[in-house]
Protein backbone atom coordinates (compact mmCIF):
# COMPACT_ATOMS: atom_id res chain seq x y z
CA LEU A 1 -89.94 -87.75 114.73
CA ASP A 2 -87.43 -87.59 111.94
CA PRO A 3 -86.70 -91.13 110.62
CA GLN A 4 -82.95 -90.41 110.64
CA LEU A 5 -83.12 -89.41 114.32
CA ILE A 6 -85.05 -92.58 115.16
CA TRP A 7 -82.41 -94.69 113.39
CA ARG A 8 -79.61 -92.91 115.28
CA VAL A 9 -81.26 -93.48 118.67
CA ARG A 10 -81.96 -97.14 117.94
CA HIS A 11 -78.36 -97.74 116.86
CA HIS A 12 -76.59 -95.74 119.56
CA PRO A 13 -75.36 -97.65 122.64
CA LEU A 14 -77.31 -96.65 125.74
CA ALA A 15 -76.52 -97.24 129.41
CA PHE A 16 -79.72 -95.57 130.68
CA ALA A 17 -82.89 -94.23 129.09
CA PHE A 18 -85.62 -91.91 130.41
CA VAL A 19 -88.96 -92.00 128.59
CA ASP A 20 -91.28 -89.01 129.02
CA GLY A 21 -93.33 -88.25 125.94
CA LEU A 22 -96.90 -88.41 124.74
CA HIS A 23 -99.17 -90.06 127.27
CA THR A 24 -100.91 -92.41 124.87
CA TYR A 25 -100.46 -96.18 124.95
CA LYS A 26 -99.18 -96.36 121.38
CA ALA A 27 -96.71 -93.47 121.66
CA CYS A 28 -95.35 -94.59 125.02
CA LEU A 29 -94.91 -98.21 123.91
CA SER A 30 -93.15 -97.01 120.76
CA ASP A 31 -90.82 -94.75 122.77
CA ILE A 32 -89.93 -97.52 125.21
CA ARG A 33 -89.27 -100.01 122.41
CA MET A 34 -87.06 -97.45 120.65
CA VAL A 35 -84.67 -97.50 123.63
CA ALA A 36 -85.18 -101.16 124.60
CA HIS A 37 -81.62 -101.96 123.51
CA SER A 38 -80.37 -100.02 126.55
CA GLU A 39 -77.93 -102.12 128.57
CA GLY A 40 -79.15 -100.47 131.75
CA VAL A 41 -82.38 -99.26 133.26
CA ILE A 42 -85.23 -97.68 131.32
CA ALA A 43 -87.10 -95.15 133.45
CA VAL A 44 -90.66 -94.34 132.38
CA ASP A 45 -92.29 -91.20 133.76
CA ASP A 46 -95.93 -90.78 134.81
CA ILE A 47 -96.93 -94.43 135.24
CA LEU A 48 -98.52 -93.52 138.56
CA THR A 49 -101.03 -91.05 137.14
CA MET A 50 -101.53 -92.06 133.51
CA GLU A 51 -103.33 -95.37 132.86
CA GLU A 52 -102.27 -95.51 129.19
CA VAL A 53 -98.62 -95.06 130.17
CA ARG A 54 -98.94 -97.74 132.87
CA LYS A 55 -100.38 -100.20 130.31
CA ALA A 56 -97.56 -99.46 127.86
CA PHE A 57 -95.00 -99.84 130.67
CA ARG A 58 -96.30 -103.31 131.55
CA GLU A 59 -96.61 -104.41 127.93
CA ALA A 60 -93.07 -103.24 127.15
CA ALA A 61 -91.81 -105.21 130.15
CA ARG A 62 -93.51 -108.32 128.81
CA LEU A 63 -92.35 -107.83 125.22
CA GLU A 64 -88.77 -106.95 126.13
CA GLY A 65 -88.31 -109.48 128.94
CA ARG A 66 -87.65 -106.81 131.57
CA ILE A 67 -88.74 -106.67 135.18
CA PRO A 68 -91.06 -103.73 135.91
CA VAL A 69 -90.40 -102.01 139.23
CA HIS A 70 -92.47 -99.22 140.77
CA HIS A 71 -93.28 -97.86 144.19
CA SER A 72 -96.44 -95.86 144.85
CA LEU A 73 -94.44 -92.97 146.33
CA PHE A 74 -92.95 -92.18 142.93
CA ARG A 75 -94.57 -91.33 139.63
CA GLU A 76 -91.97 -93.11 137.50
CA GLY A 77 -91.32 -96.80 136.98
CA TYR A 78 -88.21 -98.70 135.99
CA LEU A 79 -87.69 -101.52 133.53
CA ILE A 80 -84.79 -103.61 134.78
CA ARG A 81 -82.90 -105.92 132.46
CA ALA A 82 -83.54 -109.47 133.54
CA CYS A 83 -81.04 -112.21 132.84
CA GLY A 84 -80.90 -115.94 133.29
CA VAL A 85 -83.56 -117.41 135.56
CA GLU A 86 -85.07 -113.99 136.35
CA ARG A 87 -85.65 -113.37 132.63
CA ASN A 88 -87.34 -116.73 132.19
CA LEU A 89 -89.59 -116.09 135.20
CA ALA A 90 -90.38 -112.55 134.04
CA LEU A 91 -91.38 -113.83 130.61
CA SER A 92 -93.30 -116.91 131.74
CA GLU A 93 -95.11 -115.49 134.75
CA HIS A 94 -95.18 -111.79 133.76
CA ARG A 95 -93.84 -110.97 137.21
CA ASP A 96 -94.54 -107.47 138.30
CA TRP A 97 -92.50 -106.09 141.20
CA ILE A 98 -94.88 -103.25 141.86
CA HIS A 99 -95.75 -101.96 145.30
CA SER A 100 -98.95 -99.95 145.47
CA GLY A 101 -99.38 -98.69 148.99
CA ASP A 102 -101.07 -101.17 151.29
CA GLN A 103 -101.89 -103.64 148.51
CA PRO A 104 -98.62 -104.83 146.96
CA GLU A 105 -98.94 -106.79 143.72
CA ARG A 106 -95.40 -107.99 144.32
CA GLN A 107 -93.18 -106.59 147.04
CA LEU A 108 -90.00 -104.88 145.95
CA PRO A 109 -86.94 -107.09 146.48
CA ILE A 110 -85.49 -104.36 148.72
CA GLU A 111 -87.12 -102.11 151.27
CA PRO A 112 -87.82 -98.62 149.94
CA THR A 113 -85.74 -95.89 151.52
CA THR A 114 -87.54 -93.20 153.52
CA PHE A 115 -86.11 -89.72 153.13
């Protein structure tokens, strides 16, 4: 990407970000970190099917102090801004609110909606 474009994205206020780019660990982690200043949710596509993207998603959550949330019905995951006690727990215990079918790593704090 153009360095001027990268600077503009990193310095532009964001309320929401959607990451869907190259499916390599390095590229995905870089893309997530470029929008990590978002005040809202960061959605990351393809964490269900792409192992490299899933690893970058979890590492970005750890590095940025965000809570990773994913349900096995959906291919995207969400990095939620943690604050206060939740942030400290997310950073210290690397909490992962990920539900993967019958074997939840950590149950979602709310019940998923069935459509």
